[in-house]
């Protein structure tokens, strides 16, 4: 049995994914993860399913999805093993996220252009002030 097939403690799981145990517990609270031994409170154990779900959670967060969206996409797999519903929802969320990213890119392009314009103006003004200062010093006896 491989290492990833064996149950892991909350500390082991947190360490593997560079998270805190508190983060893992939060994901439990919001229904994203479920320990193998729910009835035993003293030591949570997580199996391969939860490890896979945690990978998907972190990937979804990296892509900018909310935890609610991630939960919905992951939970759809449990509801429909054909993966059709899950893929349809993921495609819809992905399309919306791509649109948000495109809008943000356009906004950043405008901000960059404005900042470059100010930078150019301020550098020209600074050069002007420096040359005035140098010219003023040259005229003094």
Protein backbone atom coordinates (compact mmCIF):
# COMPACT_ATOMS: atom_id res chain seq x y z
CA UNK A 1 0.00 0.00 0.00
CA UNK A 2 1.47 3.37 -1.01
CA UNK A 3 1.99 6.23 1.42
CA UNK A 4 -0.91 8.14 -0.18
CA UNK A 5 -3.31 5.24 0.42
CA UNK A 6 -2.69 5.15 4.18
CA UNK A 7 -4.78 7.29 6.51
CA UNK A 8 -3.06 10.51 7.53
CA UNK A 9 -3.42 12.60 10.66
CA UNK A 10 -4.44 16.23 10.40
CA UNK A 11 -0.83 17.25 11.10
CA UNK A 12 0.54 14.99 8.35
CA UNK A 13 -2.03 16.24 5.85
CA UNK A 14 -1.39 19.87 6.79
CA UNK A 15 2.37 19.37 6.50
CA UNK A 16 2.12 17.68 3.10
CA UNK A 17 0.12 20.58 1.67
CA UNK A 18 1.93 23.30 3.64
CA UNK A 19 -1.25 24.33 5.46
CA UNK A 20 -2.10 24.73 9.11
CA UNK A 21 -4.26 22.19 10.92
CA UNK A 22 -6.66 25.09 11.53
CA UNK A 23 -7.12 25.49 7.77
CA UNK A 24 -7.91 21.78 7.43
CA UNK A 25 -10.45 22.06 10.28
CA UNK A 26 -12.00 25.10 8.57
CA UNK A 27 -12.40 23.11 5.36
CA UNK A 28 -14.18 20.48 7.47
CA UNK A 29 -16.46 23.12 9.00
CA UNK A 30 -17.57 24.37 5.59
CA UNK A 31 -18.12 20.82 4.32
CA UNK A 32 -15.19 20.53 1.93
CA UNK A 33 -13.43 17.73 3.84
CA UNK A 34 -14.65 14.87 6.00
CA UNK A 35 -12.29 12.85 8.21
CA UNK A 36 -12.54 9.07 8.09
CA UNK A 37 -13.30 8.86 11.80
CA UNK A 38 -15.92 11.54 12.40
CA UNK A 39 -17.00 9.98 15.68
CA UNK A 40 -13.50 10.15 17.18
CA UNK A 41 -12.72 13.74 18.04
CA UNK A 42 -9.28 13.14 19.60
CA UNK A 43 -7.47 12.38 16.32
CA UNK A 44 -8.77 13.08 12.85
CA UNK A 45 -7.66 10.71 10.09
CA UNK A 46 -7.91 11.44 6.38
CA UNK A 47 -7.84 8.98 3.51
CA UNK A 48 -6.99 9.23 -0.19
CA UNK A 49 -10.38 10.77 -1.03
CA UNK A 50 -9.81 13.75 1.25
CA UNK A 51 -6.24 14.13 0.03
CA UNK A 52 -7.56 14.35 -3.54
CA UNK A 53 -10.27 16.78 -2.48
CA UNK A 54 -7.66 18.95 -0.77
CA UNK A 55 -5.62 19.05 -3.99
CA UNK A 56 -8.75 20.18 -5.86
CA UNK A 57 -9.55 22.80 -3.20
CA UNK A 58 -6.07 24.30 -3.43
CA UNK A 59 -6.11 24.25 -7.23
CA UNK A 60 -9.52 25.96 -7.23
CA UNK A 61 -8.31 28.62 -4.81
CA UNK A 62 -5.22 29.23 -6.95
CA UNK A 63 -7.49 29.77 -9.96
CA UNK A 64 -9.57 32.28 -8.00
CA UNK A 65 -12.72 30.30 -7.28
CA UNK A 66 -14.60 30.84 -4.04
CA UNK A 67 -14.80 28.01 -1.51
CA UNK A 68 -18.55 27.76 -2.20
CA UNK A 69 -17.88 27.30 -5.93
CA UNK A 70 -15.15 24.77 -5.23
CA UNK A 71 -17.44 22.83 -2.90
CA UNK A 72 -20.21 22.77 -5.47
CA UNK A 73 -17.91 21.55 -8.24
CA UNK A 74 -16.34 18.84 -6.07
CA UNK A 75 -19.65 17.70 -4.56
CA UNK A 76 -21.19 17.28 -8.01
CA UNK A 77 -18.85 14.34 -8.60
CA UNK A 78 -20.47 12.52 -5.66
CA UNK A 79 -23.95 13.25 -7.05
CA UNK A 80 -23.24 12.25 -10.65
CA UNK A 81 -20.41 9.78 -11.21
CA UNK A 82 -20.70 10.30 -14.99
CA UNK A 83 -18.99 13.64 -14.27
CA UNK A 84 -21.30 15.42 -16.73
CA UNK A 85 -22.86 17.80 -14.20
CA UNK A 86 -19.50 18.45 -12.60
CA UNK A 87 -17.91 19.28 -15.94
CA UNK A 88 -20.83 21.49 -17.02
CA UNK A 89 -20.62 23.50 -13.80
CA UNK A 90 -16.83 23.67 -13.94
CA UNK A 91 -16.96 24.91 -17.54
CA UNK A 92 -19.53 27.57 -16.58
CA UNK A 93 -17.52 28.74 -13.57
CA UNK A 94 -14.32 28.64 -15.63
CA UNK A 95 -15.86 30.75 -18.38
CA UNK A 96 -17.02 33.32 -15.85
CA UNK A 97 -13.61 33.36 -14.15
CA UNK A 98 -11.86 33.84 -17.50
CA UNK A 99 -14.13 36.83 -18.20
CA UNK A 100 -13.26 38.31 -14.79
CA UNK A 101 -9.56 37.83 -15.52
CA UNK A 102 -9.88 39.48 -18.95
CA UNK A 103 -11.63 42.46 -17.35
CA UNK A 104 -8.90 42.72 -14.72
CA UNK A 105 -6.21 42.55 -17.41
CA UNK A 106 -7.86 45.41 -19.31
CA UNK A 107 -8.12 47.42 -16.10
CA UNK A 108 -4.43 46.80 -15.34
CA UNK A 109 -3.44 47.82 -18.88
CA UNK A 110 -5.22 51.17 -18.40
CA UNK A 111 -3.61 51.66 -14.99
CA UNK A 112 -0.19 50.85 -16.47
CA UNK A 113 -0.68 53.35 -19.30
CA UNK A 114 -1.75 56.05 -16.85
CA UNK A 115 1.18 55.32 -14.56
CA UNK A 116 3.64 55.41 -17.48
CA UNK A 117 2.20 58.76 -18.56
CA UNK A 118 2.62 60.21 -15.06
CA UNK A 119 6.12 58.75 -14.81
CA UNK A 120 7.12 60.37 -18.10
CA UNK A 121 5.68 63.76 -17.03
CA UNK A 122 7.29 63.62 -13.58
CA UNK A 123 10.69 62.63 -15.00
CA UNK A 124 10.53 65.53 -17.48
CA UNK A 125 9.59 67.94 -14.67
CA UNK A 126 12.42 66.61 -12.49
CA UNK A 127 14.92 67.03 -15.34
CA UNK A 128 13.66 70.59 -15.83
CA UNK A 129 14.07 71.39 -12.13
CA UNK A 130 17.57 69.88 -12.08
CA UNK A 131 18.65 71.91 -15.10
CA UNK A 132 17.23 75.11 -13.55
CA UNK A 133 19.10 74.37 -10.34
CA UNK A 134 22.33 73.71 -12.23
CA UNK A 135 21.90 76.87 -14.31
CA UNK A 136 21.23 78.92 -11.16
CA UNK A 137 24.38 77.62 -9.49
CA UNK A 138 26.48 78.42 -12.55
CA UNK A 139 25.37 82.09 -12.53
CA UNK A 140 26.33 82.66 -8.88
CA UNK A 141 29.82 84.22 -8.34
